[in-house]
N, C-alpha and C. Protein backbone atom coordinates (compact mmCIF):
# COMPACT_ATOMS: atom_id res chain seq x y z
N MET A 1 12.20 43.64 -9.13
CA MET A 1 11.94 42.44 -8.37
C MET A 1 10.86 42.72 -7.35
N THR A 2 9.86 41.91 -7.31
CA THR A 2 8.84 42.06 -6.29
C THR A 2 9.15 41.13 -5.12
N VAL A 3 8.49 41.38 -4.01
CA VAL A 3 8.72 40.56 -2.83
C VAL A 3 8.36 39.11 -3.12
N ASP A 4 7.30 38.87 -3.88
CA ASP A 4 6.88 37.50 -4.18
C ASP A 4 7.92 36.76 -5.02
N GLN A 5 8.60 37.45 -5.92
CA GLN A 5 9.58 36.80 -6.78
C GLN A 5 10.86 36.49 -6.03
N GLY A 6 11.28 37.35 -5.13
CA GLY A 6 12.58 37.20 -4.50
C GLY A 6 12.61 36.35 -3.26
N LEU A 7 11.46 36.12 -2.65
CA LEU A 7 11.44 35.37 -1.41
C LEU A 7 10.42 34.24 -1.51
N LEU A 8 10.67 33.18 -0.79
CA LEU A 8 9.82 32.00 -0.89
C LEU A 8 8.47 32.19 -0.21
N ASN A 9 8.45 32.87 0.93
CA ASN A 9 7.21 33.03 1.68
C ASN A 9 7.37 34.20 2.66
N LYS A 10 6.35 34.46 3.44
CA LYS A 10 6.40 35.58 4.38
C LYS A 10 7.46 35.36 5.46
N TYR A 11 7.66 34.11 5.84
CA TYR A 11 8.68 33.79 6.83
C TYR A 11 10.06 34.22 6.32
N SER A 12 10.35 33.95 5.07
CA SER A 12 11.63 34.35 4.48
C SER A 12 11.77 35.87 4.47
N LEU A 13 10.68 36.57 4.19
CA LEU A 13 10.69 38.03 4.19
C LEU A 13 11.02 38.56 5.58
N VAL A 14 10.38 38.00 6.60
CA VAL A 14 10.61 38.44 7.97
C VAL A 14 12.05 38.15 8.39
N LYS A 15 12.55 36.95 8.09
CA LYS A 15 13.92 36.60 8.45
C LYS A 15 14.92 37.51 7.73
N GLY A 16 14.68 37.78 6.45
CA GLY A 16 15.58 38.65 5.70
C GLY A 16 15.56 40.08 6.20
N ALA A 17 14.38 40.58 6.49
CA ALA A 17 14.26 41.96 7.00
C ALA A 17 14.91 42.08 8.38
N ALA A 18 14.75 41.07 9.21
CA ALA A 18 15.36 41.10 10.55
C ALA A 18 16.88 41.10 10.44
N ARG A 19 17.42 40.30 9.55
CA ARG A 19 18.87 40.25 9.38
C ARG A 19 19.40 41.59 8.86
N ARG A 20 18.70 42.16 7.89
CA ARG A 20 19.12 43.46 7.35
C ARG A 20 18.97 44.56 8.40
N ALA A 21 17.92 44.51 9.21
CA ALA A 21 17.73 45.50 10.27
C ALA A 21 18.86 45.43 11.28
N ARG A 22 19.32 44.22 11.62
CA ARG A 22 20.46 44.10 12.53
C ARG A 22 21.72 44.70 11.92
N GLN A 23 21.90 44.54 10.61
CA GLN A 23 23.04 45.16 9.94
C GLN A 23 22.96 46.67 10.03
N LEU A 24 21.76 47.22 9.83
CA LEU A 24 21.58 48.67 9.91
C LEU A 24 21.83 49.17 11.32
N GLN A 25 21.36 48.44 12.33
CA GLN A 25 21.59 48.84 13.71
C GLN A 25 23.07 48.79 14.09
N SER A 26 23.82 47.92 13.42
CA SER A 26 25.25 47.80 13.70
C SER A 26 26.08 48.83 12.96
N GLY A 27 25.44 49.67 12.17
CA GLY A 27 26.17 50.75 11.51
C GLY A 27 26.27 50.66 10.00
N ALA A 28 25.68 49.64 9.39
CA ALA A 28 25.71 49.54 7.93
C ALA A 28 24.91 50.69 7.33
N PRO A 29 25.40 51.26 6.23
CA PRO A 29 24.67 52.37 5.62
C PRO A 29 23.41 51.88 4.91
N ALA A 30 22.39 52.70 4.93
CA ALA A 30 21.15 52.39 4.20
C ALA A 30 21.44 52.46 2.70
N LEU A 31 20.81 51.59 1.94
CA LEU A 31 21.05 51.52 0.50
C LEU A 31 20.14 52.45 -0.29
N MET A 32 19.20 53.08 0.39
CA MET A 32 18.28 54.00 -0.27
C MET A 32 17.71 54.95 0.76
N ALA A 33 17.16 56.04 0.30
CA ALA A 33 16.50 56.99 1.20
C ALA A 33 15.15 56.41 1.59
N SER A 34 14.82 56.50 2.87
CA SER A 34 13.55 55.99 3.37
C SER A 34 12.86 57.06 4.18
N THR A 35 11.55 56.99 4.24
CA THR A 35 10.81 57.98 5.02
C THR A 35 10.87 57.66 6.51
N SER A 36 11.29 56.46 6.86
CA SER A 36 11.35 56.03 8.25
C SER A 36 12.80 56.03 8.73
N THR A 37 12.96 56.17 10.04
CA THR A 37 14.30 56.06 10.63
C THR A 37 14.46 54.74 11.38
N LYS A 38 13.41 53.95 11.45
CA LYS A 38 13.47 52.67 12.16
C LYS A 38 14.14 51.63 11.26
N PRO A 39 15.14 50.92 11.78
CA PRO A 39 15.88 49.95 10.95
C PRO A 39 15.00 48.87 10.33
N CYS A 40 13.99 48.40 11.05
CA CYS A 40 13.14 47.34 10.52
C CYS A 40 12.36 47.83 9.30
N ARG A 41 11.84 49.03 9.37
CA ARG A 41 11.09 49.59 8.24
C ARG A 41 12.00 49.91 7.06
N VAL A 42 13.19 50.43 7.35
CA VAL A 42 14.16 50.72 6.29
C VAL A 42 14.52 49.42 5.57
N ALA A 43 14.74 48.34 6.33
CA ALA A 43 15.08 47.04 5.74
C ALA A 43 13.95 46.55 4.85
N GLN A 44 12.71 46.68 5.30
CA GLN A 44 11.56 46.26 4.49
C GLN A 44 11.48 47.07 3.21
N ASP A 45 11.72 48.37 3.29
CA ASP A 45 11.69 49.22 2.09
C ASP A 45 12.78 48.81 1.12
N GLU A 46 13.97 48.51 1.64
CA GLU A 46 15.09 48.10 0.77
C GLU A 46 14.76 46.80 0.05
N ILE A 47 14.17 45.85 0.76
CA ILE A 47 13.81 44.57 0.13
C ILE A 47 12.72 44.79 -0.91
N ARG A 48 11.71 45.55 -0.56
CA ARG A 48 10.58 45.79 -1.48
C ARG A 48 11.04 46.47 -2.77
N ASN A 49 12.03 47.37 -2.67
CA ASN A 49 12.50 48.09 -3.85
C ASN A 49 13.64 47.38 -4.57
N GLY A 50 14.01 46.19 -4.11
CA GLY A 50 15.00 45.39 -4.83
C GLY A 50 16.45 45.76 -4.54
N HIS A 51 16.70 46.54 -3.51
CA HIS A 51 18.08 46.91 -3.18
C HIS A 51 18.78 45.82 -2.39
N VAL A 52 18.02 44.94 -1.76
CA VAL A 52 18.57 43.83 -0.99
C VAL A 52 17.97 42.55 -1.53
N THR A 53 18.83 41.58 -1.83
CA THR A 53 18.35 40.28 -2.30
C THR A 53 18.94 39.21 -1.40
N PHE A 54 18.33 38.05 -1.42
CA PHE A 54 18.78 36.94 -0.60
C PHE A 54 18.90 35.70 -1.45
N VAL A 55 19.88 34.88 -1.13
CA VAL A 55 20.08 33.62 -1.81
C VAL A 55 19.68 32.50 -0.86
N VAL A 56 18.76 31.67 -1.29
CA VAL A 56 18.33 30.55 -0.47
C VAL A 56 19.04 29.31 -1.00
N THR A 57 19.82 28.69 -0.15
CA THR A 57 20.54 27.48 -0.55
C THR A 57 19.85 26.26 0.03
N LYS A 58 19.96 25.17 -0.68
CA LYS A 58 19.39 23.92 -0.19
C LYS A 58 20.45 23.21 0.65
N LYS A 59 20.03 22.75 1.80
CA LYS A 59 20.93 22.03 2.68
C LYS A 59 20.78 20.54 2.38
N VAL A 60 21.89 19.91 2.01
CA VAL A 60 21.88 18.49 1.69
C VAL A 60 22.35 17.73 2.92
N VAL A 61 21.54 16.77 3.35
CA VAL A 61 21.88 15.96 4.50
C VAL A 61 22.18 14.54 4.01
N ALA A 62 23.39 14.09 4.29
CA ALA A 62 23.78 12.75 3.87
C ALA A 62 23.21 11.72 4.84
N PRO A 63 22.76 10.59 4.33
CA PRO A 63 22.23 9.56 5.22
C PRO A 63 23.36 8.95 6.06
N VAL A 64 23.02 8.55 7.26
CA VAL A 64 23.99 7.92 8.15
C VAL A 64 23.92 6.42 7.93
N LEU A 65 25.04 5.82 7.55
CA LEU A 65 25.10 4.38 7.27
C LEU A 65 25.99 3.69 8.27
N GLY A 66 25.67 2.47 8.57
CA GLY A 66 26.54 1.65 9.42
C GLY A 66 26.61 2.10 10.86
N THR A 67 25.48 2.46 11.43
CA THR A 67 25.50 2.90 12.82
C THR A 67 25.56 1.72 13.79
N GLY A 68 25.31 0.51 13.28
CA GLY A 68 25.39 -0.68 14.12
C GLY A 68 24.19 -0.88 15.03
N LEU A 69 23.10 -0.23 14.73
CA LEU A 69 21.91 -0.41 15.57
C LEU A 69 21.07 -1.53 15.10
């Protein structure tokens, strides 16, 4: 899996890497060996190598009816 296939855009990549970095800082084990010890870089390496994937769900908003306005 490449970064382009698994994520919608660069914003999604940054949000996903930040979330994974917070998990690593909280004590989650790294899923692969990395040359860096910084959680942000480890998270980016994990995403790039396909060890971490993200599911993007669509949020459905129901229309508001009968508000009386």
